[in-house]
Amino acid sequence: MTTTQQTALDAYLQRNAAIRSKIEALQQLADDHFGHDPDTIHWGHVGDLGRVDAGLDEVLAIFNN
């Protein structure tokens, strides 16, 4: 049983590290306007961010029962 728990813990820590890396990448993208020139922003970009925002709400809902 200890082996199974350790294996699950290892997998958990790996996924945690992957999530943290993605959060860091997302923060860097946000700091750079997601690669868009602020002078050329259009409603398509707004829609894309709306989808991202909704997706993040879903992720947060998983942990905020």
C-alpha atoms as a PDB file:
ATOM      1  CA  MET A   1       0.000   0.000   0.000  1.00  0.00           C
ATOM      2  CA  THR A   2       2.879   2.385   0.712  1.00  0.00           C
ATOM      3  CA  THR A   3       4.190   1.871  -2.820  1.00  0.00           C
ATOM      4  CA  THR A   4       0.816   2.824  -4.328  1.00  0.00           C
ATOM      5  CA  GLN A   5       0.599   5.936  -2.175  1.00  0.00           C
ATOM      6  CA  GLN A   6       4.135   6.972  -3.088  1.00  0.00           C
ATOM      7  CA  THR A   7       3.382   6.440  -6.771  1.00  0.00           C
ATOM      8  CA  ALA A   8       0.267   8.588  -6.485  1.00  0.00           C
ATOM      9  CA  LEU A   9       2.238  11.235  -4.602  1.00  0.00           C
ATOM     10  CA  ASP A  10       4.943  11.244  -7.270  1.00  0.00           C
ATOM     11  CA  ALA A  11       2.336  11.661  -9.999  1.00  0.00           C
ATOM     12  CA  TYR A  12       0.604  14.391  -7.977  1.00  0.00           C
ATOM     13  CA  LEU A  13       3.848  16.321  -7.535  1.00  0.00           C
ATOM     14  CA  GLN A  14       4.673  16.008 -11.236  1.00  0.00           C
ATOM     15  CA  ARG A  15       1.274  17.359 -12.221  1.00  0.00           C
ATOM     16  CA  ASN A  16       1.546  20.112  -9.639  1.00  0.00           C
ATOM     17  CA  ALA A  17       4.883  21.167 -11.171  1.00  0.00           C
ATOM     18  CA  ALA A  18       3.378  21.091 -14.680  1.00  0.00           C
ATOM     19  CA  ILE A  19       0.445  23.259 -13.545  1.00  0.00           C
ATOM     20  CA  ARG A  20       2.773  25.750 -11.862  1.00  0.00           C
ATOM     21  CA  SER A  21       4.826  25.978 -15.043  1.00  0.00           C
ATOM     22  CA  LYS A  22       1.696  26.656 -17.094  1.00  0.00           C
ATOM     23  CA  ILE A  23       0.517  29.297 -14.619  1.00  0.00           C
ATOM     24  CA  GLU A  24       3.899  31.013 -14.915  1.00  0.00           C
ATOM     25  CA  ALA A  25       3.689  30.906 -18.718  1.00  0.00           C
ATOM     26  CA  LEU A  26       0.150  32.316 -18.591  1.00  0.00           C
ATOM     27  CA  GLN A  27       1.338  35.147 -16.330  1.00  0.00           C
ATOM     28  CA  GLN A  28       4.144  35.982 -18.763  1.00  0.00           C
ATOM     29  CA  LEU A  29       1.681  35.993 -21.659  1.00  0.00           C
ATOM     30  CA  ALA A  30      -0.719  38.229 -19.733  1.00  0.00           C
ATOM     31  CA  ASP A  31       2.108  40.645 -18.915  1.00  0.00           C
ATOM     32  CA  ASP A  32       2.769  40.887 -22.681  1.00  0.00           C
ATOM     33  CA  HIS A  33      -0.910  41.391 -23.663  1.00  0.00           C
ATOM     34  CA  PHE A  34      -0.984  37.762 -24.821  1.00  0.00           C
ATOM     35  CA  GLY A  35       1.293  38.679 -27.703  1.00  0.00           C
ATOM     36  CA  HIS A  36      -1.083  41.281 -29.107  1.00  0.00           C
ATOM     37  CA  ASP A  37      -0.265  44.876 -29.940  1.00  0.00           C
ATOM     38  CA  PRO A  38      -2.581  46.919 -27.683  1.00  0.00           C
ATOM     39  CA  ASP A  39      -3.212  49.297 -30.593  1.00  0.00           C
ATOM     40  CA  THR A  40      -4.627  46.493 -32.737  1.00  0.00           C
ATOM     41  CA  ILE A  41      -6.918  44.752 -30.235  1.00  0.00           C
ATOM     42  CA  HIS A  42     -10.242  43.707 -31.761  1.00  0.00           C
ATOM     43  CA  TRP A  43     -13.370  41.934 -30.561  1.00  0.00           C
ATOM     44  CA  GLY A  44     -11.956  38.549 -31.549  1.00  0.00           C
ATOM     45  CA  HIS A  45      -9.214  39.018 -28.966  1.00  0.00           C
ATOM     46  CA  VAL A  46     -11.836  39.972 -26.383  1.00  0.00           C
ATOM     47  CA  GLY A  47     -13.748  36.788 -27.198  1.00  0.00           C
ATOM     48  CA  ASP A  48     -10.609  34.686 -26.851  1.00  0.00           C
ATOM     49  CA  LEU A  49      -9.976  36.139 -23.403  1.00  0.00           C
ATOM     50  CA  GLY A  50     -13.611  35.464 -22.500  1.00  0.00           C
ATOM     51  CA  ARG A  51     -13.103  31.784 -23.286  1.00  0.00           C
ATOM     52  CA  VAL A  52      -9.910  31.715 -21.226  1.00  0.00           C
ATOM     53  CA  ASP A  53     -11.681  33.465 -18.345  1.00  0.00           C
ATOM     54  CA  ALA A  54     -14.517  30.922 -18.444  1.00  0.00           C
ATOM     55  CA  GLY A  55     -12.032  28.057 -18.525  1.00  0.00           C
ATOM     56  CA  LEU A  56     -10.202  29.429 -15.513  1.00  0.00           C
ATOM     57  CA  ASP A  57     -13.526  29.723 -13.684  1.00  0.00           C
ATOM     58  CA  GLU A  58     -14.089  26.014 -14.350  1.00  0.00           C
ATOM     59  CA  VAL A  59     -10.625  25.149 -13.038  1.00  0.00           C
ATOM     60  CA  LEU A  60     -11.143  27.199  -9.890  1.00  0.00           C
ATOM     61  CA  ALA A  61     -14.561  25.605  -9.342  1.00  0.00           C
ATOM     62  CA  ILE A  62     -12.862  22.198  -9.078  1.00  0.00           C
ATOM     63  CA  PHE A  63     -10.997  23.348  -5.988  1.00  0.00           C
ATOM     64  CA  ASN A  64     -13.624  25.659  -4.488  1.00  0.00           C
ATOM     65  CA  ASN A  65     -16.379  23.088  -4.001  1.00  0.00           C
END
